[in-house]
């Protein structure tokens, strides 16, 4: 995976962020979701590097080979603001003060927070399979609660760690052929470490507490994304079925929004890499 990319560990103070980076040209950051690592981008990152981008692929704080501090009662160590600040520090350490940004799944919330808090650093942003957390919570229905029960299960103290830790392979599943053998092996190694499972669960606990509060404060203050926003979603996932047009939702949060669906299941970077890379290439070369 990532032939020709370099690997770096960046100390951001209370965590160490594992980063792959390669290519030459305008900097472009790719942020993964749960329960993946940066390796989920192994089919997309080389395509974008070949297109003339410097592609930076971190493992989010606590995921994969990145570390995280011990959990705190308020879960602030796992807040999207903390994770966003990590990415800003990583990019500055690599010499990039302004960059393009992509986030998928949980990584989309990190990308959203980074773009909201540091608009001077983000030229354009793409958010995949994502609407704001508060928009999800405003639209809770039996269908949403059934399909996305894990949000609320993961938020419970201690029990999810015991359940997942009893058999991580059964819980997380995955197909090595579909994911790519090395990507699968890297994900599998990570989820067999209790500290990684705890950190990933803390991500969700922060989502329903401190992250929700941050988004509510954004909405109350009428804060919006000012840079161009591309919204993409997986047509064989359930975001559009549950909530309707994601672009319409994001228009309440951003000034310049466009987007469309991609014929894929949820893990679009693994399942439809060429189509995803083409959509990102078109958006970020404008």
Protein backbone atom coordinates (compact mmCIF):
# COMPACT_ATOMS: atom_id res chain seq x y z
CA UNK A 1 0.00 0.00 0.00
CA UNK A 2 0.98 3.65 -0.53
CA UNK A 3 3.98 2.90 -2.73
CA UNK A 4 6.28 5.93 -2.73
CA UNK A 5 4.63 7.54 0.30
CA UNK A 6 6.61 8.49 3.39
CA UNK A 7 5.56 7.68 6.94
CA UNK A 8 5.89 10.16 9.80
CA UNK A 9 4.80 10.27 13.44
CA UNK A 10 3.95 13.83 14.54
CA UNK A 11 3.92 14.78 18.22
CA UNK A 12 0.97 17.14 18.77
CA UNK A 13 1.37 17.44 22.55
CA UNK A 14 -1.01 14.96 24.16
CA UNK A 15 -1.01 12.51 21.22
CA UNK A 16 1.23 11.20 18.46
CA UNK A 17 -0.33 11.15 14.99
CA UNK A 18 0.73 8.53 12.45
CA UNK A 19 0.82 10.02 8.94
CA UNK A 20 1.42 8.79 5.42
CA UNK A 21 2.22 11.45 2.83
CA UNK A 22 3.31 11.48 -0.78
CA UNK A 23 3.09 13.22 -4.12
CA UNK A 24 3.90 16.76 -5.19
CA UNK A 25 1.58 19.71 -5.62
CA UNK A 26 -1.21 21.38 -3.65
CA UNK A 27 -1.72 19.71 -0.25
CA UNK A 28 -4.80 17.53 0.21
CA UNK A 29 -5.72 15.77 3.48
CA UNK A 30 -7.79 12.56 3.60
CA UNK A 31 -9.47 11.67 6.92
CA UNK A 32 -10.89 8.20 7.52
CA UNK A 33 -13.91 7.02 9.50
CA UNK A 34 -14.76 4.33 12.06
CA UNK A 35 -13.37 1.70 12.49
CA UNK A 36 -10.86 2.23 9.70
CA UNK A 37 -7.36 3.66 9.68
CA UNK A 38 -5.77 5.87 7.07
CA UNK A 39 -5.18 2.68 5.09
CA UNK A 40 -8.80 2.83 3.91
CA UNK A 41 -7.56 5.41 1.36
CA UNK A 42 -4.95 3.05 -0.15
CA UNK A 43 -6.78 2.88 -3.50
CA UNK A 44 -7.59 6.61 -3.68
CA UNK A 45 -4.45 8.32 -2.35
CA UNK A 46 -2.12 7.10 -5.15
CA UNK A 47 -4.62 8.25 -7.78
CA UNK A 48 -4.73 11.74 -6.28
CA UNK A 49 -0.94 11.84 -5.91
CA UNK A 50 -0.66 10.93 -9.60
CA UNK A 51 -3.06 13.81 -10.34
CA UNK A 52 -0.59 16.29 -8.88
CA UNK A 53 -1.53 16.59 -5.20
CA UNK A 54 0.58 16.24 -2.10
CA UNK A 55 -1.65 13.74 -0.32
CA UNK A 56 -1.57 13.53 3.48
CA UNK A 57 -3.28 10.55 5.15
CA UNK A 58 -3.31 10.55 8.97
CA UNK A 59 -4.67 8.01 11.40
CA UNK A 60 -7.06 10.03 13.57
CA UNK A 61 -6.20 10.40 17.24
CA UNK A 62 -6.63 7.03 18.97
CA UNK A 63 -7.26 5.14 15.73
CA UNK A 64 -4.80 2.81 14.04
CA UNK A 65 -1.22 3.69 14.96
CA UNK A 66 -1.99 7.13 16.41
CA UNK A 67 -2.12 7.51 20.18
CA UNK A 68 -4.65 9.24 22.41
CA UNK A 69 -4.61 10.50 25.99
CA UNK A 70 -6.58 8.72 28.69
CA UNK A 71 -10.35 9.33 28.63
CA UNK A 72 -11.69 12.30 30.58
CA UNK A 73 -15.11 12.57 32.21
CA UNK A 74 -16.25 15.15 29.66
CA UNK A 75 -14.72 13.21 26.70
CA UNK A 76 -13.02 16.41 25.53
CA UNK A 77 -9.83 14.51 24.67
CA UNK A 78 -11.86 12.85 21.87
CA UNK A 79 -13.74 15.94 20.72
CA UNK A 80 -13.72 16.77 17.05
CA UNK A 81 -12.10 20.07 18.01
CA UNK A 82 -9.17 18.18 19.58
CA UNK A 83 -8.89 15.90 16.55
CA UNK A 84 -9.12 18.86 14.18
CA UNK A 85 -6.35 20.64 16.05
CA UNK A 86 -4.23 17.50 15.61
CA UNK A 87 -4.64 17.69 11.83
CA UNK A 88 -3.82 21.39 11.78
CA UNK A 89 -0.64 20.68 13.76
CA UNK A 90 0.28 17.82 11.41
CA UNK A 91 -0.12 19.99 8.34
CA UNK A 92 1.91 22.82 9.82
CA UNK A 93 4.64 20.36 10.77
CA UNK A 94 4.76 19.26 7.12
CA UNK A 95 5.00 22.88 5.98
CA UNK A 96 1.40 23.45 4.86
CA UNK A 97 -0.52 26.41 6.29
CA UNK A 98 -3.41 26.12 3.84
CA UNK A 99 -4.78 22.94 2.30
CA UNK A 100 -7.75 21.08 0.85
CA UNK A 101 -9.58 18.62 3.09
CA UNK A 102 -11.64 15.44 2.75
CA UNK A 103 -13.40 13.55 5.55
CA UNK A 104 -15.43 10.35 5.51
CA UNK A 105 -17.80 9.11 8.25
CA UNK A 106 -16.31 10.15 11.64
CA UNK A 107 -13.49 11.86 9.75
CA UNK A 108 -16.11 14.11 8.19
CA UNK A 109 -16.94 15.52 11.61
CA UNK A 110 -13.26 16.26 12.15
CA UNK A 111 -13.04 17.92 8.74
CA UNK A 112 -16.20 19.93 9.43
CA UNK A 113 -14.85 21.15 12.77
CA UNK A 114 -11.46 22.04 11.26
CA UNK A 115 -13.10 23.99 8.45
CA UNK A 116 -15.47 25.74 10.87
CA UNK A 117 -12.80 26.66 13.42
CA UNK A 118 -9.94 27.45 11.01
CA UNK A 119 -11.35 28.74 7.71
CA UNK A 120 -8.06 30.46 7.00
CA UNK A 121 -6.39 27.04 6.75
CA UNK A 122 -8.94 25.19 4.59
CA UNK A 123 -9.26 26.20 0.93
CA UNK A 124 -11.98 23.67 0.01
CA UNK A 125 -13.59 20.79 1.90
CA UNK A 126 -15.35 17.57 0.87
CA UNK A 127 -17.55 15.71 3.36
CA UNK A 128 -18.54 12.10 2.60
CA UNK A 129 -21.53 10.25 4.08
CA UNK A 130 -22.16 12.99 6.62
CA UNK A 131 -24.59 15.60 7.89
CA UNK A 132 -23.97 17.51 11.14
CA UNK A 133 -24.46 15.54 14.34
CA UNK A 134 -27.25 17.85 15.50
CA UNK A 135 -29.07 17.34 12.20
CA UNK A 136 -29.02 13.59 12.83
CA UNK A 137 -30.30 14.06 16.36
CA UNK A 138 -33.03 16.47 15.25
CA UNK A 139 -34.32 13.77 12.90
CA UNK A 140 -34.39 10.75 15.21
CA UNK A 141 -37.01 8.26 14.08
CA UNK A 142 -37.46 4.55 14.86
CA UNK A 143 -35.78 3.84 11.52
CA UNK A 144 -32.74 5.97 12.38
CA UNK A 145 -32.50 4.58 15.92
CA UNK A 146 -32.65 1.02 14.57
CA UNK A 147 -30.13 1.50 11.77
CA UNK A 148 -27.76 3.73 13.76
CA UNK A 149 -28.20 2.13 17.20
CA UNK A 150 -24.42 1.91 17.54
CA UNK A 151 -24.23 5.69 18.17
CA UNK A 152 -26.15 5.20 21.40
CA UNK A 153 -24.65 1.83 22.32
CA UNK A 154 -21.10 3.15 21.95
CA UNK A 155 -22.00 6.08 24.21
CA UNK A 156 -22.67 3.76 27.15
CA UNK A 157 -19.89 3.48 29.76
CA UNK A 158 -17.73 0.32 29.81
CA UNK A 159 -20.22 -2.15 28.32
CA UNK A 160 -19.21 -1.63 24.65
CA UNK A 161 -15.55 -2.24 25.50
CA UNK A 162 -16.45 -5.60 27.07
CA UNK A 163 -18.72 -6.64 24.21
CA UNK A 164 -16.30 -5.69 21.42
CA UNK A 165 -13.24 -6.93 23.28
CA UNK A 166 -14.74 -10.41 23.64
CA UNK A 167 -14.47 -10.97 19.86
CA UNK A 168 -13.27 -7.99 17.79
CA UNK A 169 -13.15 -10.03 14.58
CA UNK A 170 -16.83 -10.93 14.78
CA UNK A 171 -17.84 -7.42 15.78
CA UNK A 172 -15.99 -5.59 13.03
CA UNK A 173 -16.06 -8.24 10.31
CA UNK A 174 -14.78 -7.15 6.92
CA UNK A 175 -13.69 -8.89 3.74
CA UNK A 176 -9.93 -8.90 3.07
CA UNK A 177 -10.49 -9.13 -0.67
CA UNK A 178 -12.91 -6.20 -0.76
CA UNK A 179 -10.86 -4.07 1.63
CA UNK A 180 -7.46 -5.11 0.33
CA UNK A 181 -5.43 -7.60 2.35
CA UNK A 182 -3.01 -5.09 3.87
CA UNK A 183 -5.76 -2.62 4.72
CA UNK A 184 -7.76 -5.40 6.38
CA UNK A 185 -4.72 -6.62 8.33
CA UNK A 186 -3.95 -3.11 9.56
CA UNK A 187 -7.54 -2.55 10.67
CA UNK A 188 -7.64 -5.98 12.33
CA UNK A 189 -4.42 -5.37 14.25
CA UNK A 190 -5.75 -2.05 15.50
CA UNK A 191 -9.10 -3.31 16.78
CA UNK A 192 -7.39 -6.07 18.74
CA UNK A 193 -5.77 -3.40 20.93
CA UNK A 194 -8.06 -2.40 23.83
CA UNK A 195 -6.72 1.16 23.89
CA UNK A 196 -7.77 1.65 20.25
CA UNK A 197 -11.27 0.31 20.89
CA UNK A 198 -11.61 2.60 23.91
CA UNK A 199 -10.45 5.63 21.89
CA UNK A 200 -12.88 4.87 19.06
CA UNK A 201 -15.75 4.59 21.53
CA UNK A 202 -14.70 7.86 23.13
CA UNK A 203 -15.07 9.44 19.68
CA UNK A 204 -18.79 8.53 19.78
CA UNK A 205 -19.18 9.57 23.42
CA UNK A 206 -17.75 12.96 22.52
CA UNK A 207 -20.08 13.10 19.53
CA UNK A 208 -23.23 13.03 21.66
CA UNK A 209 -21.87 15.44 24.29
CA UNK A 210 -19.13 17.99 23.64
CA UNK A 211 -19.36 17.80 19.82
CA UNK A 212 -23.12 18.19 19.89
CA UNK A 213 -22.72 21.22 22.15
CA UNK A 214 -20.14 22.75 19.79
CA UNK A 215 -22.50 22.37 16.82
CA UNK A 216 -25.41 23.81 18.80
CA UNK A 217 -23.21 26.81 19.62
CA UNK A 218 -22.31 27.17 15.92
CA UNK A 219 -25.97 27.15 14.96
CA UNK A 220 -26.97 29.63 17.67
CA UNK A 221 -24.22 32.00 16.50
CA UNK A 222 -25.13 31.48 12.81
CA UNK A 223 -21.58 30.32 12.03
CA UNK A 224 -21.24 28.82 8.56
CA UNK A 225 -18.62 27.28 6.31
CA UNK A 226 -17.41 29.99 3.96
CA UNK A 227 -15.19 27.90 1.65
CA UNK A 228 -16.65 25.74 -1.15
CA UNK A 229 -18.12 22.47 0.14
CA UNK A 230 -18.56 19.22 -1.79
CA UNK A 231 -21.01 16.72 -0.27
CA UNK A 232 -20.83 13.12 -1.48
CA UNK A 233 -22.80 10.14 -0.25
CA UNK A 234 -22.91 6.39 -0.90
CA UNK A 235 -26.09 5.50 -2.77
CA UNK A 236 -26.13 1.95 -1.38
CA UNK A 237 -25.88 3.26 2.19
CA UNK A 238 -28.85 4.82 4.02
CA UNK A 239 -28.04 8.52 4.53
CA UNK A 240 -30.25 9.74 1.68
CA UNK A 241 -33.01 7.25 2.49
CA UNK A 242 -33.18 8.39 6.12
CA UNK A 243 -32.81 12.16 5.66
CA UNK A 244 -33.46 13.11 2.05
CA UNK A 245 -31.05 15.25 0.03
CA UNK A 246 -27.85 15.81 2.07
CA UNK A 247 -27.01 18.89 -0.02
CA UNK A 248 -30.23 20.56 1.13
CA UNK A 249 -29.31 19.93 4.76
CA UNK A 250 -25.81 21.34 4.31
CA UNK A 251 -27.16 24.53 2.76
CA UNK A 252 -28.15 25.56 6.30
CA UNK A 253 -24.47 25.28 7.29
CA UNK A 254 -22.46 26.47 4.30
CA UNK A 255 -22.52 29.26 1.74
CA UNK A 256 -21.37 27.31 -1.33
CA UNK A 257 -22.53 23.68 -1.52
CA UNK A 258 -22.69 21.15 -4.30
CA UNK A 259 -22.75 17.36 -4.29
CA UNK A 260 -24.10 14.05 -5.55
CA UNK A 261 -24.33 10.37 -4.74
CA UNK A 262 -21.83 7.68 -5.73
CA UNK A 263 -22.84 4.11 -6.58
CA UNK A 264 -21.19 2.44 -3.60
CA UNK A 265 -21.70 0.99 -0.17
CA UNK A 266 -20.58 2.92 2.88
CA UNK A 267 -16.81 2.43 2.53
CA UNK A 268 -16.63 4.35 -0.71
CA UNK A 269 -12.84 4.77 -0.79
CA UNK A 270 -12.50 1.00 -0.89
CA UNK A 271 -15.54 0.18 -3.06
CA UNK A 272 -15.52 2.96 -5.69
CA UNK A 273 -12.03 4.51 -5.61
CA UNK A 274 -11.89 5.64 -9.23
CA UNK A 275 -15.27 7.38 -9.12
CA UNK A 276 -14.44 9.00 -5.79
CA UNK A 277 -11.01 10.13 -6.95
CA UNK A 278 -12.55 11.62 -10.09
CA UNK A 279 -15.12 13.60 -8.08
CA UNK A 280 -12.43 14.90 -5.72
CA UNK A 281 -10.08 15.72 -8.59
CA UNK A 282 -12.75 17.80 -10.34
CA UNK A 283 -13.65 19.69 -7.18
CA UNK A 284 -10.15 20.43 -5.92
CA UNK A 285 -8.64 21.46 -9.26
CA UNK A 286 -11.11 24.34 -9.68
